[in-house]
Amino acid sequence: MTGRYQVIGSLSSPFSVKMRAILRYRRLPHDWILNTREVQERTKHIRPPIIPKVHFPEEPADVWHVDSSPMAYLLEERHRDRSILPDDPAHAFLAHLLEDFGDEWGTKMMFHYRWVGEEKGGDTDYVGHLMLYPGTGPASDDALREAAHKFRDWQVPLWPVAGIEPQNVPLIESMFGRIVSAWDMVLRDQNFLFGSRPSLGDFGFYGQLYQCFWNPASFKVMIQQSRRMVPWLTIIDDASGVEGEWIAPDAPLCDGVRELLWLAGEVYLPYLDATLRAVENGEDRLSITVLDGMVHSQKAMKYHARCLQVMREKLAALSQGDRQKVRHLLDGTDAWRYLTA
């Protein structure tokens, strides 16, 4: 191993490109290693078998990290320069909330639009090739086509795990349009969520929206809803040259950030709360009705239950004054009651 971070990932993995973008912004020397078949075979002992897999400098050669959110916090402990956590504790908490929202609800949008059919502007053959080719390397057309179809067949069983079921499609599509519109509002006022430098929340949404940019169906929605989103994605993809500041601690949040927090309180946090209650009660599925009576029901995921527990722990760890500030900043949303239940 070298004194550089080693990142094994894929362009089709939202969490891989998210991690790469964080390392780029923070100007941390790293090697981007495509997760080819050869690399997969060499690293199959690493558990859980997900990407990105990241080796930190100065750690033993057999120690690899997975899960982008904990890794982002580990980087905060190791490096002080170009932090992605706002200096203000209340803003830092909201950045975490928005990262979680982007990471976990964004996966539903990404998976749905990745494989929708032509009736909704999708192109599954193109997407299959796009997702697979960078890690496949030179191959005949027939071999590449076969590999792309196998990749799609591997992903299909994952749809219900991510909540991609027919009854959920109206809400998933509505939320995608609302989220892109909210981001367009953000970018009218400022470069990033909490000022002129990117936060953890920006990178959480970036990873999923980057995938939606490559998917034909979601790209069409994206450019209909926003003329700013695609250029922004190219900026945050490599923000190593960005110099900026956080908004002042007493500055009001911009309208777009408030809209994202409202959506979190209306949909994402109720989903996490229902997930946690289902897991605690030993129930296999959860169901919520939100927004204009739209339904979302799916298998309960223990990881998402833990997401809400972590947020509640982080909020409880703040000083009383910072907790009150968070409550004030969430005024007008339904988020607070789910964070303090």
C-alpha atoms as a PDB file:
ATOM      1  CA  MET A   1       0.000   0.000   0.000  1.00  0.00           C
ATOM      2  CA  THR A   2       1.055   3.598  -0.584  1.00  0.00           C
ATOM      3  CA  GLY A   3       0.489   6.855   1.278  1.00  0.00           C
ATOM      4  CA  ARG A   4      -2.540   7.439  -0.928  1.00  0.00           C
ATOM      5  CA  TYR A   5      -6.173   6.486  -0.390  1.00  0.00           C
ATOM      6  CA  GLN A   6      -7.176   3.506  -2.521  1.00  0.00           C
ATOM      7  CA  VAL A   7     -10.779   3.661  -3.764  1.00  0.00           C
ATOM      8  CA  ILE A   8     -12.314   0.649  -5.465  1.00  0.00           C
ATOM      9  CA  GLY A   9     -15.525   1.734  -7.103  1.00  0.00           C
ATOM     10  CA  SER A  10     -17.679   2.011 -10.171  1.00  0.00           C
ATOM     11  CA  LEU A  11     -19.161   4.894 -12.133  1.00  0.00           C
ATOM     12  CA  SER A  12     -22.537   3.163 -11.766  1.00  0.00           C
ATOM     13  CA  SER A  13     -22.296   3.203  -7.963  1.00  0.00           C
ATOM     14  CA  PRO A  14     -23.683   6.433  -6.423  1.00  0.00           C
ATOM     15  CA  PHE A  15     -21.713   5.910  -3.235  1.00  0.00           C
ATOM     16  CA  SER A  16     -18.482   5.319  -5.153  1.00  0.00           C
ATOM     17  CA  VAL A  17     -18.665   8.583  -7.079  1.00  0.00           C
ATOM     18  CA  LYS A  18     -19.787  10.349  -3.903  1.00  0.00           C
ATOM     19  CA  MET A  19     -16.666   9.148  -2.088  1.00  0.00           C
ATOM     20  CA  ARG A  20     -14.449  10.078  -5.010  1.00  0.00           C
ATOM     21  CA  ALA A  21     -15.961  13.576  -5.129  1.00  0.00           C
ATOM     22  CA  ILE A  22     -15.323  14.063  -1.393  1.00  0.00           C
ATOM     23  CA  LEU A  23     -11.688  13.039  -1.760  1.00  0.00           C
ATOM     24  CA  ARG A  24     -11.298  15.307  -4.776  1.00  0.00           C
ATOM     25  CA  TYR A  25     -12.790  18.305  -2.982  1.00  0.00           C
ATOM     26  CA  ARG A  26     -10.659  17.705   0.088  1.00  0.00           C
ATOM     27  CA  ARG A  27      -7.552  17.381  -2.117  1.00  0.00           C
ATOM     28  CA  LEU A  28      -6.626  14.045  -0.558  1.00  0.00           C
ATOM     29  CA  PRO A  29      -4.268  11.975  -2.735  1.00  0.00           C
ATOM     30  CA  HIS A  30      -6.079   8.881  -3.931  1.00  0.00           C
ATOM     31  CA  ASP A  31      -6.191   6.238  -6.634  1.00  0.00           C
ATOM     32  CA  TRP A  32      -9.503   5.487  -8.341  1.00  0.00           C
ATOM     33  CA  ILE A  33      -9.603   1.753  -9.109  1.00  0.00           C
ATOM     34  CA  LEU A  34     -12.415   0.420 -11.305  1.00  0.00           C
ATOM     35  CA  ASN A  35     -14.161  -2.586  -9.828  1.00  0.00           C
ATOM     36  CA  THR A  36     -13.289  -4.961 -12.669  1.00  0.00           C
ATOM     37  CA  ARG A  37     -13.727  -8.739 -12.492  1.00  0.00           C
ATOM     38  CA  GLU A  38     -10.046  -9.063 -11.633  1.00  0.00           C
ATOM     39  CA  VAL A  39     -10.346  -6.542  -8.792  1.00  0.00           C
ATOM     40  CA  GLN A  40     -13.528  -8.205  -7.540  1.00  0.00           C
ATOM     41  CA  GLU A  41     -11.755 -11.529  -7.349  1.00  0.00           C
ATOM     42  CA  ARG A  42      -8.792 -10.001  -5.552  1.00  0.00           C
ATOM     43  CA  THR A  43     -10.980  -8.272  -2.944  1.00  0.00           C
ATOM     44  CA  LYS A  44     -13.748 -10.852  -2.487  1.00  0.00           C
ATOM     45  CA  HIS A  45     -12.639 -11.409   1.110  1.00  0.00           C
ATOM     46  CA  ILE A  46     -13.740  -7.882   2.085  1.00  0.00           C
ATOM     47  CA  ARG A  47     -17.114  -7.887   3.819  1.00  0.00           C
ATOM     48  CA  PRO A  48     -19.732  -6.764   3.229  1.00  0.00           C
ATOM     49  CA  PRO A  49     -19.198  -7.200  -0.536  1.00  0.00           C
ATOM     50  CA  ILE A  50     -20.222  -3.673  -1.523  1.00  0.00           C
ATOM     51  CA  ILE A  51     -18.516  -0.672  -3.073  1.00  0.00           C
ATOM     52  CA  PRO A  52     -16.816   1.624  -2.622  1.00  0.00           C
ATOM     53  CA  LYS A  53     -14.079  -0.196  -0.782  1.00  0.00           C
ATOM     54  CA  VAL A  54     -11.519   2.258   0.589  1.00  0.00           C
ATOM     55  CA  HIS A  55      -8.094   1.660   2.095  1.00  0.00           C
ATOM     56  CA  PHE A  56      -6.786   4.464   4.291  1.00  0.00           C
ATOM     57  CA  PRO A  57      -3.071   5.337   4.300  1.00  0.00           C
ATOM     58  CA  GLU A  58      -1.055   4.034   7.251  1.00  0.00           C
ATOM     59  CA  GLU A  59      -3.614   1.315   8.010  1.00  0.00           C
ATOM     60  CA  PRO A  60      -2.812  -2.410   7.672  1.00  0.00           C
ATOM     61  CA  ALA A  61      -3.033  -3.712   4.129  1.00  0.00           C
ATOM     62  CA  ASP A  62      -5.955  -6.005   4.950  1.00  0.00           C
ATOM     63  CA  VAL A  63      -8.089  -3.225   6.473  1.00  0.00           C
ATOM     64  CA  TRP A  64     -10.649  -1.791   4.068  1.00  0.00           C
ATOM     65  CA  HIS A  65     -13.607   0.458   4.809  1.00  0.00           C
ATOM     66  CA  VAL A  66     -17.077   0.399   3.267  1.00  0.00           C
ATOM     67  CA  ASP A  67     -20.172   2.634   3.736  1.00  0.00           C
ATOM     68  CA  SER A  68     -19.610   6.166   2.525  1.00  0.00           C
ATOM     69  CA  SER A  69     -21.227   8.059   5.429  1.00  0.00           C
ATOM     70  CA  PRO A  70     -19.034   6.656   8.228  1.00  0.00           C
ATOM     71  CA  MET A  71     -16.020   7.070   5.944  1.00  0.00           C
ATOM     72  CA  ALA A  72     -16.841  10.751   5.447  1.00  0.00           C
ATOM     73  CA  TYR A  73     -16.771  11.206   9.229  1.00  0.00           C
ATOM     74  CA  LEU A  74     -13.506   9.266   9.521  1.00  0.00           C
ATOM     75  CA  LEU A  75     -11.975  11.709   7.053  1.00  0.00           C
ATOM     76  CA  GLU A  76     -13.162  14.553   9.284  1.00  0.00           C
ATOM     77  CA  GLU A  77     -11.230  13.008  12.171  1.00  0.00           C
ATOM     78  CA  ARG A  78      -8.068  12.577  10.094  1.00  0.00           C
ATOM     79  CA  HIS A  79      -8.010  15.865   8.171  1.00  0.00           C
ATOM     80  CA  ARG A  80      -8.873  19.406   9.234  1.00  0.00           C
ATOM     81  CA  ASP A  81      -8.544  21.256   5.934  1.00  0.00           C
ATOM     82  CA  ARG A  82     -11.543  21.678   3.658  1.00  0.00           C
ATOM     83  CA  SER A  83     -14.042  20.079   6.011  1.00  0.00           C
ATOM     84  CA  ILE A  84     -17.448  19.197   4.587  1.00  0.00           C
ATOM     85  CA  LEU A  85     -19.198  19.795   7.915  1.00  0.00           C
ATOM     86  CA  PRO A  86     -20.336  23.407   8.471  1.00  0.00           C
ATOM     87  CA  ASP A  87     -18.707  25.132  11.446  1.00  0.00           C
ATOM     88  CA  ASP A  88     -22.098  25.866  12.971  1.00  0.00           C
ATOM     89  CA  PRO A  89     -23.276  22.704  14.838  1.00  0.00           C
ATOM     90  CA  ALA A  90     -26.929  23.208  13.872  1.00  0.00           C
ATOM     91  CA  HIS A  91     -26.018  23.564  10.210  1.00  0.00           C
ATOM     92  CA  ALA A  92     -23.738  20.507  10.485  1.00  0.00           C
ATOM     93  CA  PHE A  93     -26.666  18.482  11.824  1.00  0.00           C
ATOM     94  CA  LEU A  94     -28.886  19.607   8.960  1.00  0.00           C
ATOM     95  CA  ALA A  95     -26.106  18.699   6.505  1.00  0.00           C
ATOM     96  CA  HIS A  96     -26.143  15.183   7.969  1.00  0.00           C
ATOM     97  CA  LEU A  97     -29.932  14.994   7.694  1.00  0.00           C
ATOM     98  CA  LEU A  98     -29.824  16.070   4.058  1.00  0.00           C
ATOM     99  CA  GLU A  99     -26.978  13.672   3.256  1.00  0.00           C
ATOM    100  CA  ASP A 100     -29.029  10.826   4.697  1.00  0.00           C
ATOM    101  CA  PHE A 101     -32.066  11.962   2.699  1.00  0.00           C
ATOM    102  CA  GLY A 102     -30.023  12.114  -0.503  1.00  0.00           C
ATOM    103  CA  ASP A 103     -28.275   8.801   0.092  1.00  0.00           C
ATOM    104  CA  GLU A 104     -31.220   6.658   1.067  1.00  0.00           C
ATOM    105  CA  TRP A 105     -34.303   8.131  -0.597  1.00  0.00           C
ATOM    106  CA  GLY A 106     -32.229   9.035  -3.652  1.00  0.00           C
ATOM    107  CA  THR A 107     -31.489   5.341  -4.186  1.00  0.00           C
ATOM    108  CA  LYS A 108     -35.176   4.767  -4.868  1.00  0.00           C
ATOM    109  CA  MET A 109     -35.217   7.458  -7.553  1.00  0.00           C
ATOM    110  CA  MET A 110     -31.975   6.219  -9.095  1.00  0.00           C
ATOM    111  CA  PHE A 111     -33.037   2.564  -9.241  1.00  0.00           C
ATOM    112  CA  HIS A 112     -36.485   3.382 -10.600  1.00  0.00           C
ATOM    113  CA  TYR A 113     -35.302   5.587 -13.448  1.00  0.00           C
ATOM    114  CA  ARG A 114     -32.342   3.361 -14.261  1.00  0.00           C
ATOM    115  CA  TRP A 115     -34.557   0.567 -15.510  1.00  0.00           C
ATOM    116  CA  VAL A 116     -37.839   2.175 -16.645  1.00  0.00           C
ATOM    117  CA  GLY A 117     -38.999   1.230 -20.126  1.00  0.00           C
ATOM    118  CA  GLU A 118     -39.337   3.191 -23.316  1.00  0.00           C
ATOM    119  CA  GLU A 119     -42.859   4.321 -22.390  1.00  0.00           C
ATOM    120  CA  LYS A 120     -41.247   6.624 -19.823  1.00  0.00           C
ATOM    121  CA  GLY A 121     -38.246   7.581 -21.904  1.00  0.00           C
ATOM    122  CA  GLY A 122     -35.968   4.831 -20.651  1.00  0.00           C
ATOM    123  CA  ASP A 123     -33.490   2.707 -22.590  1.00  0.00           C
ATOM    124  CA  THR A 124     -32.534  -0.355 -20.577  1.00  0.00           C
ATOM    125  CA  ASP A 125     -30.160  -1.686 -23.245  1.00  0.00           C
ATOM    126  CA  TYR A 126     -28.191   1.565 -23.251  1.00  0.00           C
ATOM    127  CA  VAL A 127     -28.173   1.744 -19.455  1.00  0.00           C
ATOM    128  CA  GLY A 128     -26.987  -1.842 -19.134  1.00  0.00           C
ATOM    129  CA  HIS A 129     -24.029  -1.143 -21.410  1.00  0.00           C
ATOM    130  CA  LEU A 130     -23.309   2.178 -19.709  1.00  0.00           C
ATOM    131  CA  MET A 131     -23.280   0.653 -16.238  1.00  0.00           C
ATOM    132  CA  LEU A 132     -21.036  -2.237 -17.192  1.00  0.00           C
ATOM    133  CA  TYR A 133     -18.563  -1.183 -19.880  1.00  0.00           C
ATOM    134  CA  PRO A 134     -16.065   0.888 -17.821  1.00  0.00           C
ATOM    135  CA  GLY A 135     -15.258  -2.176 -15.716  1.00  0.00           C
ATOM    136  CA  THR A 136     -15.437  -4.704 -18.540  1.00  0.00           C
ATOM    137  CA  GLY A 137     -12.836  -3.327 -20.894  1.00  0.00           C
ATOM    138  CA  PRO A 138     -12.467  -4.414 -24.530  1.00  0.00           C
ATOM    139  CA  ALA A 139     -15.071  -6.981 -25.557  1.00  0.00           C
ATOM    140  CA  SER A 140     -17.008  -8.003 -28.635  1.00  0.00           C
ATOM    141  CA  ASP A 141     -20.475  -6.538 -29.141  1.00  0.00           C
ATOM    142  CA  ASP A 142     -22.075  -9.889 -28.344  1.00  0.00           C
ATOM    143  CA  ALA A 143     -20.013 -10.393 -25.184  1.00  0.00           C
ATOM    144  CA  LEU A 144     -20.735  -6.863 -23.978  1.00  0.00           C
ATOM    145  CA  ARG A 145     -24.453  -7.266 -24.711  1.00  0.00           C
ATOM    146  CA  GLU A 146     -24.581 -10.543 -22.806  1.00  0.00           C
ATOM    147  CA  ALA A 147     -22.742  -9.040 -19.836  1.00  0.00           C
ATOM    148  CA  ALA A 148     -25.068  -6.001 -19.830  1.00  0.00           C
ATOM    149  CA  HIS A 149     -28.145  -8.244 -19.801  1.00  0.00           C
ATOM    150  CA  LYS A 150     -26.686 -10.291 -16.944  1.00  0.00           C
ATOM    151  CA  PHE A 151     -26.058  -7.070 -15.018  1.00  0.00           C
ATOM    152  CA  ARG A 152     -29.683  -6.037 -15.444  1.00  0.00           C
ATOM    153  CA  ASP A 153     -30.881  -9.510 -14.404  1.00  0.00           C
ATOM    154  CA  TRP A 154     -28.715  -9.224 -11.292  1.00  0.00           C
ATOM    155  CA  GLN A 155     -30.207  -5.858 -10.390  1.00  0.00           C
ATOM    156  CA  VAL A 156     -33.881  -6.774 -10.917  1.00  0.00           C
ATOM    157  CA  PRO A 157     -34.200  -8.719  -7.619  1.00  0.00           C
ATOM    158  CA  LEU A 158     -32.843  -5.656  -5.806  1.00  0.00           C
ATOM    159  CA  TRP A 159     -35.788  -3.472  -6.825  1.00  0.00           C
ATOM    160  CA  PRO A 160     -38.148  -4.536  -3.974  1.00  0.00           C
ATOM    161  CA  VAL A 161     -35.302  -4.134  -1.466  1.00  0.00           C
ATOM    162  CA  ALA A 162     -35.004  -0.506  -2.581  1.00  0.00           C
ATOM    163  CA  GLY A 163     -38.778  -0.094  -2.499  1.00  0.00           C
ATOM    164  CA  ILE A 164     -39.224  -0.121  -6.288  1.00  0.00           C
ATOM    165  CA  GLU A 165     -42.694  -1.652  -6.418  1.00  0.00           C
ATOM    166  CA  PRO A 166     -45.604  -0.610  -8.676  1.00  0.00           C
ATOM    167  CA  GLN A 167     -47.657   1.049  -5.943  1.00  0.00           C
ATOM    168  CA  ASN A 168     -44.683   3.251  -5.017  1.00  0.00           C
ATOM    169  CA  VAL A 169     -43.895   4.627  -8.466  1.00  0.00           C
ATOM    170  CA  PRO A 170     -46.181   7.730  -8.303  1.00  0.00           C
ATOM    171  CA  LEU A 171     -44.520   8.933  -5.097  1.00  0.00           C
ATOM    172  CA  ILE A 172     -40.990   8.142  -6.310  1.00  0.00           C
ATOM    173  CA  GLU A 173     -41.539  10.081  -9.533  1.00  0.00           C
ATOM    174  CA  SER A 174     -43.238  12.986  -7.764  1.00  0.00           C
ATOM    175  CA  MET A 175     -40.401  13.216  -5.266  1.00  0.00           C
ATOM    176  CA  PHE A 176     -37.783  13.227  -8.004  1.00  0.00           C
ATOM    177  CA  GLY A 177     -39.415  16.211  -9.688  1.00  0.00           C
ATOM    178  CA  ARG A 178     -39.825  18.032  -6.376  1.00  0.00           C
ATOM    179  CA  ILE A 179     -36.231  17.386  -5.324  1.00  0.00           C
ATOM    180  CA  VAL A 180     -34.784  18.598  -8.626  1.00  0.00           C
ATOM    181  CA  SER A 181     -36.989  21.716  -8.440  1.00  0.00           C
ATOM    182  CA  ALA A 182     -35.875  22.349  -4.853  1.00  0.00           C
ATOM    183  CA  TRP A 183     -32.244  22.075  -5.923  1.00  0.00           C
ATOM    184  CA  ASP A 184     -32.887  24.554  -8.718  1.00  0.00           C
ATOM    185  CA  MET A 185     -34.152  26.938  -6.037  1.00  0.00           C
ATOM    186  CA  VAL A 186     -30.967  26.381  -4.014  1.00  0.00           C
ATOM    187  CA  LEU A 187     -28.774  27.146  -7.000  1.00  0.00           C
ATOM    188  CA  ARG A 188     -30.596  30.395  -7.750  1.00  0.00           C
ATOM    189  CA  ASP A 189     -29.333  31.746  -4.441  1.00  0.00           C
ATOM    190  CA  GLN A 190     -26.002  30.062  -3.720  1.00  0.00           C
ATOM    191  CA  ASN A 191     -23.520  27.485  -4.988  1.00  0.00           C
ATOM    192  CA  PHE A 192     -24.180  24.822  -2.359  1.00  0.00           C
ATOM    193  CA  LEU A 193     -26.581  24.002   0.471  1.00  0.00           C
ATOM    194  CA  PHE A 194     -24.795  25.947   3.206  1.00  0.00           C
ATOM    195  CA  GLY A 195     -22.808  28.532   1.319  1.00  0.00           C
ATOM    196  CA  SER A 196     -20.178  28.736  -1.401  1.00  0.00           C
ATOM    197  CA  ARG A 197     -18.459  25.481  -0.394  1.00  0.00           C
ATOM    198  CA  PRO A 198     -19.926  21.949  -0.486  1.00  0.00           C
ATOM    199  CA  SER A 199     -21.184  20.162   2.600  1.00  0.00           C
ATOM    200  CA  LEU A 200     -21.827  16.529   3.445  1.00  0.00           C
ATOM    201  CA  GLY A 201     -25.426  17.086   2.342  1.00  0.00           C
ATOM    202  CA  ASP A 202     -24.352  18.239  -1.117  1.00  0.00           C
ATOM    203  CA  PHE A 203     -22.280  15.112  -1.647  1.00  0.00           C
ATOM    204  CA  GLY A 204     -25.118  12.848  -0.480  1.00  0.00           C
ATOM    205  CA  PHE A 205     -27.455  14.188  -3.136  1.00  0.00           C
ATOM    206  CA  TYR A 206     -24.700  14.395  -5.747  1.00  0.00           C
ATOM    207  CA  GLY A 207     -24.042  10.635  -5.761  1.00  0.00           C
ATOM    208  CA  GLN A 208     -27.632   9.765  -6.625  1.00  0.00           C
ATOM    209  CA  LEU A 209     -28.277  12.699  -8.965  1.00  0.00           C
ATOM    210  CA  TYR A 210     -25.092  11.836 -10.879  1.00  0.00           C
ATOM    211  CA  GLN A 211     -26.653   8.463 -11.681  1.00  0.00           C
ATOM    212  CA  CYS A 212     -29.925  10.135 -12.669  1.00  0.00           C
ATOM    213  CA  PHE A 213     -27.934  12.370 -15.016  1.00  0.00           C
ATOM    214  CA  TRP A 214     -26.698   9.292 -16.918  1.00  0.00           C
ATOM    215  CA  ASN A 215     -30.100   7.592 -17.095  1.00  0.00           C
ATOM    216  CA  PRO A 216     -32.063   8.818 -20.150  1.00  0.00           C
ATOM    217  CA  ALA A 217     -35.483   8.858 -18.443  1.00  0.00           C
ATOM    218  CA  SER A 218     -34.406  10.821 -15.366  1.00  0.00           C
ATOM    219  CA  PHE A 219     -32.126  13.087 -17.413  1.00  0.00           C
ATOM    220  CA  LYS A 220     -35.150  14.244 -19.394  1.00  0.00           C
ATOM    221  CA  VAL A 221     -37.021  15.076 -16.194  1.00  0.00           C
ATOM    222  CA  MET A 222     -33.941  16.761 -14.792  1.00  0.00           C
ATOM    223  CA  ILE A 223     -33.464  19.207 -17.666  1.00  0.00           C
ATOM    224  CA  GLN A 224     -37.197  19.963 -17.758  1.00  0.00           C
ATOM    225  CA  GLN A 225     -37.181  20.905 -14.071  1.00  0.00           C
ATOM    226  CA  SER A 226     -33.832  22.685 -13.893  1.00  0.00           C
ATOM    227  CA  ARG A 227     -31.341  24.425 -16.137  1.00  0.00           C
ATOM    228  CA  ARG A 228     -28.863  24.570 -13.266  1.00  0.00           C
ATOM    229  CA  MET A 229     -28.672  20.968 -12.072  1.00  0.00           C
ATOM    230  CA  VAL A 230     -26.506  19.420 -14.800  1.00  0.00           C
ATOM    231  CA  PRO A 231     -23.844  22.174 -14.732  1.00  0.00           C
ATOM    232  CA  TRP A 232     -23.792  21.917 -10.917  1.00  0.00           C
ATOM    233  CA  LEU A 233     -23.128  18.180 -11.126  1.00  0.00           C
ATOM    234  CA  THR A 234     -20.067  18.842 -13.276  1.00  0.00           C
ATOM    235  CA  ILE A 235     -18.791  21.323 -10.673  1.00  0.00           C
ATOM    236  CA  ILE A 236     -19.167  19.125  -7.600  1.00  0.00           C
ATOM    237  CA  ASP A 237     -17.866  16.051  -9.433  1.00  0.00           C
ATOM    238  CA  ASP A 238     -14.410  17.608  -9.081  1.00  0.00           C
ATOM    239  CA  ALA A 239     -14.568  20.575  -6.739  1.00  0.00           C
ATOM    240  CA  SER A 240     -10.856  20.521  -5.924  1.00  0.00           C
ATOM    241  CA  GLY A 241     -10.602  24.079  -7.223  1.00  0.00           C
ATOM    242  CA  VAL A 242     -13.577  25.414  -5.278  1.00  0.00           C
ATOM    243  CA  GLU A 243     -12.779  27.945  -2.571  1.00  0.00           C
ATOM    244  CA  GLY A 244     -15.700  29.130  -0.506  1.00  0.00           C
ATOM    245  CA  GLU A 245     -17.272  29.981   2.827  1.00  0.00           C
ATOM    246  CA  TRP A 246     -20.113  28.738   4.978  1.00  0.00           C
ATOM    247  CA  ILE A 247     -23.146  30.958   5.389  1.00  0.00           C
ATOM    248  CA  ALA A 248     -23.123  32.967   8.617  1.00  0.00           C
ATOM    249  CA  PRO A 249     -24.513  31.095  11.645  1.00  0.00           C
ATOM    250  CA  ASP A 250     -27.357  33.611  11.953  1.00  0.00           C
ATOM    251  CA  ALA A 251     -28.153  33.742   8.224  1.00  0.00           C
ATOM    252  CA  PRO A 252     -31.550  32.370   7.123  1.00  0.00           C
ATOM    253  CA  LEU A 253     -31.570  29.166   5.122  1.00  0.00           C
ATOM    254  CA  CYS A 254     -32.336  29.732   1.451  1.00  0.00           C
ATOM    255  CA  ASP A 255     -35.745  28.748   0.081  1.00  0.00           C
ATOM    256  CA  GLY A 256     -34.414  25.681  -1.711  1.00  0.00           C
ATOM    257  CA  VAL A 257     -32.839  24.243   1.441  1.00  0.00           C
ATOM    258  CA  ARG A 258     -36.055  24.864   3.322  1.00  0.00           C
ATOM    259  CA  GLU A 259     -37.963  23.037   0.587  1.00  0.00           C
ATOM    260  CA  LEU A 260     -35.631  20.038   0.855  1.00  0.00           C
ATOM    261  CA  LEU A 261     -36.088  20.008   4.631  1.00  0.00           C
ATOM    262  CA  TRP A 262     -39.857  20.215   4.150  1.00  0.00           C
ATOM    263  CA  LEU A 263     -39.745  17.196   1.830  1.00  0.00           C
ATOM    264  CA  ALA A 264     -37.626  15.334   4.379  1.00  0.00           C
ATOM    265  CA  GLY A 265     -40.251  16.042   7.035  1.00  0.00           C
ATOM    266  CA  GLU A 266     -43.150  15.129   4.765  1.00  0.00           C
ATOM    267  CA  VAL A 267     -41.788  11.926   3.228  1.00  0.00           C
ATOM    268  CA  TYR A 268     -38.310  10.747   4.201  1.00  0.00           C
ATOM    269  CA  LEU A 269     -38.480  10.993   7.984  1.00  0.00           C
ATOM    270  CA  PRO A 270     -41.996   9.453   8.123  1.00  0.00           C
ATOM    271  CA  TYR A 271     -40.586   6.605   6.031  1.00  0.00           C
ATOM    272  CA  LEU A 272     -37.668   6.121   8.441  1.00  0.00           C
ATOM    273  CA  ASP A 273     -40.005   6.321  11.435  1.00  0.00           C
ATOM    274  CA  ALA A 274     -42.321   3.694   9.958  1.00  0.00           C
ATOM    275  CA  THR A 275     -39.285   1.528   9.193  1.00  0.00           C
ATOM    276  CA  LEU A 276     -37.991   1.776  12.757  1.00  0.00           C
ATOM    277  CA  ARG A 277     -41.391   0.931  14.229  1.00  0.00           C
ATOM    278  CA  ALA A 278     -41.746  -2.054  11.892  1.00  0.00           C
ATOM    279  CA  VAL A 279     -38.304  -3.373  12.842  1.00  0.00           C
ATOM    280  CA  GLU A 280     -38.956  -2.880  16.571  1.00  0.00           C
ATOM    281  CA  ASN A 281     -42.298  -4.679  16.272  1.00  0.00           C
ATOM    282  CA  GLY A 282     -40.850  -7.561  14.274  1.00  0.00           C
ATOM    283  CA  GLU A 283     -42.922  -6.669  11.213  1.00  0.00           C
ATOM    284  CA  ASP A 284     -41.644  -7.460   7.740  1.00  0.00           C
ATOM    285  CA  ARG A 285     -43.224  -4.528   5.876  1.00  0.00           C
ATOM    286  CA  LEU A 286     -44.145  -0.895   6.422  1.00  0.00           C
ATOM    287  CA  SER A 287     -46.606   1.461   4.771  1.00  0.00           C
ATOM    288  CA  ILE A 288     -46.991   5.244   4.816  1.00  0.00           C
ATOM    289  CA  THR A 289     -49.386   7.661   3.141  1.00  0.00           C
ATOM    290  CA  VAL A 290     -47.860  11.066   2.423  1.00  0.00           C
ATOM    291  CA  LEU A 291     -48.148  14.230   0.338  1.00  0.00           C
ATOM    292  CA  ASP A 292     -51.374  14.085  -1.681  1.00  0.00           C
ATOM    293  CA  GLY A 293     -52.431  10.678  -0.401  1.00  0.00           C
ATOM    294  CA  MET A 294     -49.662   8.783  -2.175  1.00  0.00           C
ATOM    295  CA  VAL A 295     -48.641   5.438  -0.699  1.00  0.00           C
ATOM    296  CA  HIS A 296     -45.241   3.946  -0.132  1.00  0.00           C
ATOM    297  CA  SER A 297     -44.971   0.377   1.153  1.00  0.00           C
ATOM    298  CA  GLN A 298     -41.988  -1.943   1.172  1.00  0.00           C
ATOM    299  CA  LYS A 299     -39.919  -4.431   3.109  1.00  0.00           C
ATOM    300  CA  ALA A 300     -38.497  -2.908   6.299  1.00  0.00           C
ATOM    301  CA  MET A 301     -34.726  -2.368   6.105  1.00  0.00           C
ATOM    302  CA  LYS A 302     -32.781  -2.482   9.370  1.00  0.00           C
ATOM    303  CA  TYR A 303     -30.151  -0.130   7.942  1.00  0.00           C
ATOM    304  CA  HIS A 304     -32.782   2.570   7.432  1.00  0.00           C
ATOM    305  CA  ALA A 305     -34.083   2.073  10.955  1.00  0.00           C
ATOM    306  CA  ARG A 306     -30.532   2.686  12.157  1.00  0.00           C
ATOM    307  CA  CYS A 307     -30.338   5.861  10.025  1.00  0.00           C
ATOM    308  CA  LEU A 308     -33.096   7.451  12.106  1.00  0.00           C
ATOM    309  CA  GLN A 309     -31.533   6.282  15.368  1.00  0.00           C
ATOM    310  CA  VAL A 310     -28.212   7.872  14.378  1.00  0.00           C
ATOM    311  CA  MET A 311     -29.917  11.177  13.548  1.00  0.00           C
ATOM    312  CA  ARG A 312     -31.704  11.190  16.894  1.00  0.00           C
ATOM    313  CA  GLU A 313     -28.414  10.458  18.672  1.00  0.00           C
ATOM    314  CA  LYS A 314     -26.647  13.283  16.847  1.00  0.00           C
ATOM    315  CA  LEU A 315     -29.434  15.718  17.690  1.00  0.00           C
ATOM    316  CA  ALA A 316     -29.445  14.666  21.346  1.00  0.00           C
ATOM    317  CA  ALA A 317     -25.665  15.197  21.525  1.00  0.00           C
ATOM    318  CA  LEU A 318     -25.985  18.880  20.602  1.00  0.00           C
ATOM    319  CA  SER A 319     -26.068  21.558  23.257  1.00  0.00           C
ATOM    320  CA  GLN A 320     -29.488  22.778  24.311  1.00  0.00           C
ATOM    321  CA  GLY A 321     -28.949  26.002  22.410  1.00  0.00           C
ATOM    322  CA  ASP A 322     -27.988  24.207  19.202  1.00  0.00           C
ATOM    323  CA  ARG A 323     -30.953  21.837  19.503  1.00  0.00           C
ATOM    324  CA  GLN A 324     -33.258  24.815  19.819  1.00  0.00           C
ATOM    325  CA  LYS A 325     -31.632  26.366  16.771  1.00  0.00           C
ATOM    326  CA  VAL A 326     -32.256  23.181  14.795  1.00  0.00           C
ATOM    327  CA  ARG A 327     -35.868  23.232  15.928  1.00  0.00           C
ATOM    328  CA  HIS A 328     -36.188  26.846  14.818  1.00  0.00           C
ATOM    329  CA  LEU A 329     -34.602  26.107  11.433  1.00  0.00           C
ATOM    330  CA  LEU A 330     -37.041  23.226  10.940  1.00  0.00           C
ATOM    331  CA  ASP A 331     -40.031  25.437  11.730  1.00  0.00           C
ATOM    332  CA  GLY A 332     -42.640  25.020   9.011  1.00  0.00           C
ATOM    333  CA  THR A 333     -41.664  21.400   8.380  1.00  0.00           C
ATOM    334  CA  ASP A 334     -42.819  18.253  10.130  1.00  0.00           C
ATOM    335  CA  ALA A 335     -39.261  17.029  10.688  1.00  0.00           C
ATOM    336  CA  TRP A 336     -38.781  17.855  14.360  1.00  0.00           C
ATOM    337  CA  ARG A 337     -41.356  15.417  15.728  1.00  0.00           C
ATOM    338  CA  TYR A 338     -39.731  12.499  13.936  1.00  0.00           C
ATOM    339  CA  LEU A 339     -36.273  13.485  15.160  1.00  0.00           C
ATOM    340  CA  THR A 340     -37.308  13.655  18.810  1.00  0.00           C
ATOM    341  CA  ALA A 341     -39.850  10.850  19.104  1.00  0.00           C
END
